[in-house]
Amino acid sequence: MSFALMRGFRPLSRIVHPSLVNSYFLGGPSLKSTIPIANGTAIQPVFSPQNPTANMAVFTTSDHWKIERVVAVAMLAIIPGSFVYDSALMNYLLAATMAIHAHWGMEAVLIDYCPRKALPFANLIRYAMTAIAFGGLCYFNYNDMGLTKALKALWALH
């Protein structure tokens, strides 16, 4: 018995209508190129941008990765620090790092799972949701008890 049958997996054509599983829905041909090897052809994930100078970012990819890691490590100090030193500054730092961390996490999810043609719209939604989340957290910090006092109140419930 095959692994697919043991786990209960079904072909995609049995789950959804076959017209939805075509190259247009899946984003067309991939940007990944194939590299031939001696015994056949192997697919190697080689990034080849269509126009490398059109969308030049302020940061390189490695700089962005380093900043993500700095924010993640900073959160290791900000989260417990906001409970020890409960102040407005720590609440706003916590709100900002939580929003940007979630924003970058959703970017990774969208890049991995979103069809290429839907990515601009998905990014627009991601930016809107990040702005709404950050605004909501700041509103809660300013007009209510703040994030850390709210979490302490939740933990105090029996």
C-alpha atoms as a PDB file:
ATOM      1  CA  MET A   1       0.000   0.000   0.000  1.00  0.00           C
ATOM      2  CA  SER A   2       1.395   3.359  -0.948  1.00  0.00           C
ATOM      3  CA  PHE A   3       2.095   6.153   1.510  1.00  0.00           C
ATOM      4  CA  ALA A   4      -0.508   8.375  -0.168  1.00  0.00           C
ATOM      5  CA  LEU A   5      -3.252   5.789   0.360  1.00  0.00           C
ATOM      6  CA  MET A   6      -2.223   5.072   3.942  1.00  0.00           C
ATOM      7  CA  ARG A   7      -2.395   8.742   4.902  1.00  0.00           C
ATOM      8  CA  GLY A   8      -5.660   9.288   3.037  1.00  0.00           C
ATOM      9  CA  PHE A   9      -4.289  11.719   0.471  1.00  0.00           C
ATOM     10  CA  ARG A  10      -6.217  12.116  -2.738  1.00  0.00           C
ATOM     11  CA  PRO A  11      -5.118  13.537  -6.044  1.00  0.00           C
ATOM     12  CA  LEU A  12      -5.800  17.247  -6.397  1.00  0.00           C
ATOM     13  CA  SER A  13      -8.116  16.595  -9.350  1.00  0.00           C
ATOM     14  CA  ARG A  14     -10.435  14.607  -7.045  1.00  0.00           C
ATOM     15  CA  ILE A  15     -10.614  17.385  -4.437  1.00  0.00           C
ATOM     16  CA  VAL A  16     -11.176  20.405  -6.693  1.00  0.00           C
ATOM     17  CA  HIS A  17     -12.519  20.819 -10.199  1.00  0.00           C
ATOM     18  CA  PRO A  18      -9.791  20.068 -12.795  1.00  0.00           C
ATOM     19  CA  SER A  19     -10.306  23.440 -14.503  1.00  0.00           C
ATOM     20  CA  LEU A  20      -8.970  25.144 -11.363  1.00  0.00           C
ATOM     21  CA  VAL A  21      -5.715  23.213 -11.562  1.00  0.00           C
ATOM     22  CA  ASN A  22      -4.131  24.759 -14.617  1.00  0.00           C
ATOM     23  CA  SER A  23      -1.108  26.924 -15.298  1.00  0.00           C
ATOM     24  CA  TYR A  24      -3.099  30.176 -15.105  1.00  0.00           C
ATOM     25  CA  PHE A  25      -4.412  29.392 -11.617  1.00  0.00           C
ATOM     26  CA  LEU A  26      -1.033  28.206 -10.390  1.00  0.00           C
ATOM     27  CA  GLY A  27       0.761  31.285 -11.706  1.00  0.00           C
ATOM     28  CA  GLY A  28       2.068  30.152 -15.070  1.00  0.00           C
ATOM     29  CA  PRO A  29       5.604  28.979 -15.691  1.00  0.00           C
ATOM     30  CA  SER A  30       7.973  29.227 -12.765  1.00  0.00           C
ATOM     31  CA  LEU A  31      10.841  31.670 -12.401  1.00  0.00           C
ATOM     32  CA  LYS A  32      12.971  28.737 -11.369  1.00  0.00           C
ATOM     33  CA  SER A  33      15.226  27.439 -14.111  1.00  0.00           C
ATOM     34  CA  THR A  34      16.345  23.896 -14.733  1.00  0.00           C
ATOM     35  CA  ILE A  35      19.992  22.920 -14.805  1.00  0.00           C
ATOM     36  CA  PRO A  36      20.864  19.795 -16.800  1.00  0.00           C
ATOM     37  CA  ILE A  37      23.114  17.195 -15.198  1.00  0.00           C
ATOM     38  CA  ALA A  38      24.897  14.174 -16.682  1.00  0.00           C
ATOM     39  CA  ASN A  39      22.169  11.557 -16.057  1.00  0.00           C
ATOM     40  CA  GLY A  40      19.135  13.658 -16.934  1.00  0.00           C
ATOM     41  CA  THR A  41      17.607  16.939 -15.904  1.00  0.00           C
ATOM     42  CA  ALA A  42      17.376  18.153 -12.330  1.00  0.00           C
ATOM     43  CA  ILE A  43      15.283  21.099 -11.258  1.00  0.00           C
ATOM     44  CA  GLN A  44      17.424  23.529  -9.314  1.00  0.00           C
ATOM     45  CA  PRO A  45      15.812  26.547  -7.608  1.00  0.00           C
ATOM     46  CA  VAL A  46      17.847  29.315  -9.216  1.00  0.00           C
ATOM     47  CA  PHE A  47      16.367  32.787  -8.862  1.00  0.00           C
ATOM     48  CA  SER A  48      16.375  34.725 -12.108  1.00  0.00           C
ATOM     49  CA  PRO A  49      14.612  38.090 -11.814  1.00  0.00           C
ATOM     50  CA  GLN A  50      12.970  39.411 -14.953  1.00  0.00           C
ATOM     51  CA  ASN A  51      14.327  42.929 -14.539  1.00  0.00           C
ATOM     52  CA  PRO A  52      16.910  43.115 -11.746  1.00  0.00           C
ATOM     53  CA  THR A  53      17.200  46.933 -11.703  1.00  0.00           C
ATOM     54  CA  ALA A  54      13.468  47.766 -11.733  1.00  0.00           C
ATOM     55  CA  ASN A  55      12.640  46.985  -8.106  1.00  0.00           C
ATOM     56  CA  MET A  56      15.868  47.719  -6.266  1.00  0.00           C
ATOM     57  CA  ALA A  57      15.199  47.756  -2.542  1.00  0.00           C
ATOM     58  CA  VAL A  58      16.881  49.962   0.007  1.00  0.00           C
ATOM     59  CA  PHE A  59      18.203  46.877   1.792  1.00  0.00           C
ATOM     60  CA  THR A  60      19.709  43.813   0.235  1.00  0.00           C
ATOM     61  CA  THR A  61      18.217  40.436   1.053  1.00  0.00           C
ATOM     62  CA  SER A  62      20.923  39.665   3.595  1.00  0.00           C
ATOM     63  CA  ASP A  63      20.397  43.049   5.300  1.00  0.00           C
ATOM     64  CA  HIS A  64      16.660  42.387   5.527  1.00  0.00           C
ATOM     65  CA  TRP A  65      17.342  38.923   6.973  1.00  0.00           C
ATOM     66  CA  LYS A  66      19.688  40.425   9.588  1.00  0.00           C
ATOM     67  CA  ILE A  67      17.099  43.039  10.579  1.00  0.00           C
ATOM     68  CA  GLU A  68      14.460  40.303  10.966  1.00  0.00           C
ATOM     69  CA  ARG A  69      16.796  38.399  13.280  1.00  0.00           C
ATOM     70  CA  VAL A  70      17.612  41.526  15.307  1.00  0.00           C
ATOM     71  CA  VAL A  71      13.884  42.186  15.813  1.00  0.00           C
ATOM     72  CA  ALA A  72      13.267  38.548  16.785  1.00  0.00           C
ATOM     73  CA  VAL A  73      16.105  38.615  19.329  1.00  0.00           C
ATOM     74  CA  ALA A  74      14.943  42.013  20.614  1.00  0.00           C
ATOM     75  CA  MET A  75      11.509  40.515  21.221  1.00  0.00           C
ATOM     76  CA  LEU A  76      13.150  38.017  23.584  1.00  0.00           C
ATOM     77  CA  ALA A  77      14.035  40.987  25.789  1.00  0.00           C
ATOM     78  CA  ILE A  78      11.001  43.193  25.089  1.00  0.00           C
ATOM     79  CA  ILE A  79       8.339  40.628  25.998  1.00  0.00           C
ATOM     80  CA  PRO A  80       9.544  39.800  29.527  1.00  0.00           C
ATOM     81  CA  GLY A  81      10.877  43.338  29.950  1.00  0.00           C
ATOM     82  CA  SER A  82       7.438  44.785  29.356  1.00  0.00           C
ATOM     83  CA  PHE A  83       6.081  42.723  32.262  1.00  0.00           C
ATOM     84  CA  VAL A  84       8.927  43.679  34.583  1.00  0.00           C
ATOM     85  CA  TYR A  85       9.010  47.366  33.666  1.00  0.00           C
ATOM     86  CA  ASP A  86       5.397  48.159  32.802  1.00  0.00           C
ATOM     87  CA  SER A  87       5.370  51.527  31.021  1.00  0.00           C
ATOM     88  CA  ALA A  88       3.890  53.152  27.950  1.00  0.00           C
ATOM     89  CA  LEU A  89       7.230  52.933  26.141  1.00  0.00           C
ATOM     90  CA  MET A  90       7.414  49.178  26.659  1.00  0.00           C
ATOM     91  CA  ASN A  91       3.791  48.748  25.558  1.00  0.00           C
ATOM     92  CA  TYR A  92       4.446  50.644  22.322  1.00  0.00           C
ATOM     93  CA  LEU A  93       7.702  48.752  21.724  1.00  0.00           C
ATOM     94  CA  LEU A  94       5.803  45.508  22.231  1.00  0.00           C
ATOM     95  CA  ALA A  95       3.056  46.624  19.830  1.00  0.00           C
ATOM     96  CA  ALA A  96       5.566  47.671  17.154  1.00  0.00           C
ATOM     97  CA  THR A  97       7.672  44.512  17.346  1.00  0.00           C
ATOM     98  CA  MET A  98       4.612  42.256  17.375  1.00  0.00           C
ATOM     99  CA  ALA A  99       3.166  43.984  14.307  1.00  0.00           C
ATOM    100  CA  ILE A 100       6.397  43.960  12.288  1.00  0.00           C
ATOM    101  CA  HIS A 101       7.181  40.366  13.301  1.00  0.00           C
ATOM    102  CA  ALA A 102       3.726  39.229  12.143  1.00  0.00           C
ATOM    103  CA  HIS A 103       4.116  41.292   8.948  1.00  0.00           C
ATOM    104  CA  TRP A 104       7.393  39.603   8.027  1.00  0.00           C
ATOM    105  CA  GLY A 105       6.026  36.186   8.977  1.00  0.00           C
ATOM    106  CA  MET A 106       3.047  36.621   6.667  1.00  0.00           C
ATOM    107  CA  GLU A 107       5.425  37.740   3.907  1.00  0.00           C
ATOM    108  CA  ALA A 108       7.206  34.393   4.149  1.00  0.00           C
ATOM    109  CA  VAL A 109       3.886  32.501   4.090  1.00  0.00           C
ATOM    110  CA  LEU A 110       2.634  34.444   1.065  1.00  0.00           C
ATOM    111  CA  ILE A 111       5.862  33.962  -0.879  1.00  0.00           C
ATOM    112  CA  ASP A 112       5.739  30.220  -0.221  1.00  0.00           C
ATOM    113  CA  TYR A 113       2.034  29.527  -0.794  1.00  0.00           C
ATOM    114  CA  CYS A 114       0.367  32.345  -2.728  1.00  0.00           C
ATOM    115  CA  PRO A 115       0.073  32.045  -6.525  1.00  0.00           C
ATOM    116  CA  ARG A 116       2.353  34.536  -8.255  1.00  0.00           C
ATOM    117  CA  LYS A 117      -0.485  36.375 -10.005  1.00  0.00           C
ATOM    118  CA  ALA A 118      -2.319  36.927  -6.707  1.00  0.00           C
ATOM    119  CA  LEU A 119       0.775  38.086  -4.809  1.00  0.00           C
ATOM    120  CA  PRO A 120       0.383  41.863  -5.406  1.00  0.00           C
ATOM    121  CA  PHE A 121      -3.185  41.812  -4.077  1.00  0.00           C
ATOM    122  CA  ALA A 122      -2.173  39.568  -1.169  1.00  0.00           C
ATOM    123  CA  ASN A 123       0.652  41.978  -0.292  1.00  0.00           C
ATOM    124  CA  LEU A 124      -1.788  44.875  -0.360  1.00  0.00           C
ATOM    125  CA  ILE A 125      -4.003  43.016   2.106  1.00  0.00           C
ATOM    126  CA  ARG A 126      -0.941  42.177   4.227  1.00  0.00           C
ATOM    127  CA  TYR A 127       0.085  45.836   4.467  1.00  0.00           C
ATOM    128  CA  ALA A 128      -3.470  46.875   5.308  1.00  0.00           C
ATOM    129  CA  MET A 129      -3.796  44.217   8.009  1.00  0.00           C
ATOM    130  CA  THR A 130      -0.430  45.192   9.518  1.00  0.00           C
ATOM    131  CA  ALA A 131      -1.476  48.856   9.650  1.00  0.00           C
ATOM    132  CA  ILE A 132      -4.840  47.944  11.195  1.00  0.00           C
ATOM    133  CA  ALA A 133      -3.203  45.647  13.761  1.00  0.00           C
ATOM    134  CA  PHE A 134      -0.567  48.215  14.732  1.00  0.00           C
ATOM    135  CA  GLY A 135      -3.190  50.945  14.914  1.00  0.00           C
ATOM    136  CA  GLY A 136      -5.421  48.759  17.063  1.00  0.00           C
ATOM    137  CA  LEU A 137      -2.606  47.880  19.443  1.00  0.00           C
ATOM    138  CA  CYS A 138      -1.605  51.553  19.748  1.00  0.00           C
ATOM    139  CA  TYR A 139      -5.250  52.523  20.292  1.00  0.00           C
ATOM    140  CA  PHE A 140      -5.527  49.892  23.023  1.00  0.00           C
ATOM    141  CA  ASN A 141      -2.317  51.163  24.642  1.00  0.00           C
ATOM    142  CA  TYR A 142      -3.452  54.795  24.570  1.00  0.00           C
ATOM    143  CA  ASN A 143      -7.157  54.495  25.426  1.00  0.00           C
ATOM    144  CA  ASP A 144      -7.227  51.421  27.632  1.00  0.00           C
ATOM    145  CA  MET A 145      -4.973  49.669  30.133  1.00  0.00           C
ATOM    146  CA  GLY A 146      -2.207  48.645  27.707  1.00  0.00           C
ATOM    147  CA  LEU A 147      -1.019  45.290  26.455  1.00  0.00           C
ATOM    148  CA  THR A 148       0.927  44.111  29.474  1.00  0.00           C
ATOM    149  CA  LYS A 149      -1.736  45.054  32.028  1.00  0.00           C
ATOM    150  CA  ALA A 150      -4.366  43.358  29.847  1.00  0.00           C
ATOM    151  CA  LEU A 151      -2.312  40.148  29.697  1.00  0.00           C
ATOM    152  CA  LYS A 152      -1.708  40.297  33.456  1.00  0.00           C
ATOM    153  CA  ALA A 153      -5.468  40.691  33.968  1.00  0.00           C
ATOM    154  CA  LEU A 154      -6.152  37.680  31.720  1.00  0.00           C
ATOM    155  CA  TRP A 155      -3.639  35.559  33.615  1.00  0.00           C
ATOM    156  CA  ALA A 156      -5.134  36.651  36.963  1.00  0.00           C
ATOM    157  CA  LEU A 157      -8.526  35.167  36.015  1.00  0.00           C
ATOM    158  CA  HIS A 158      -9.197  31.798  37.548  1.00  0.00           C
END
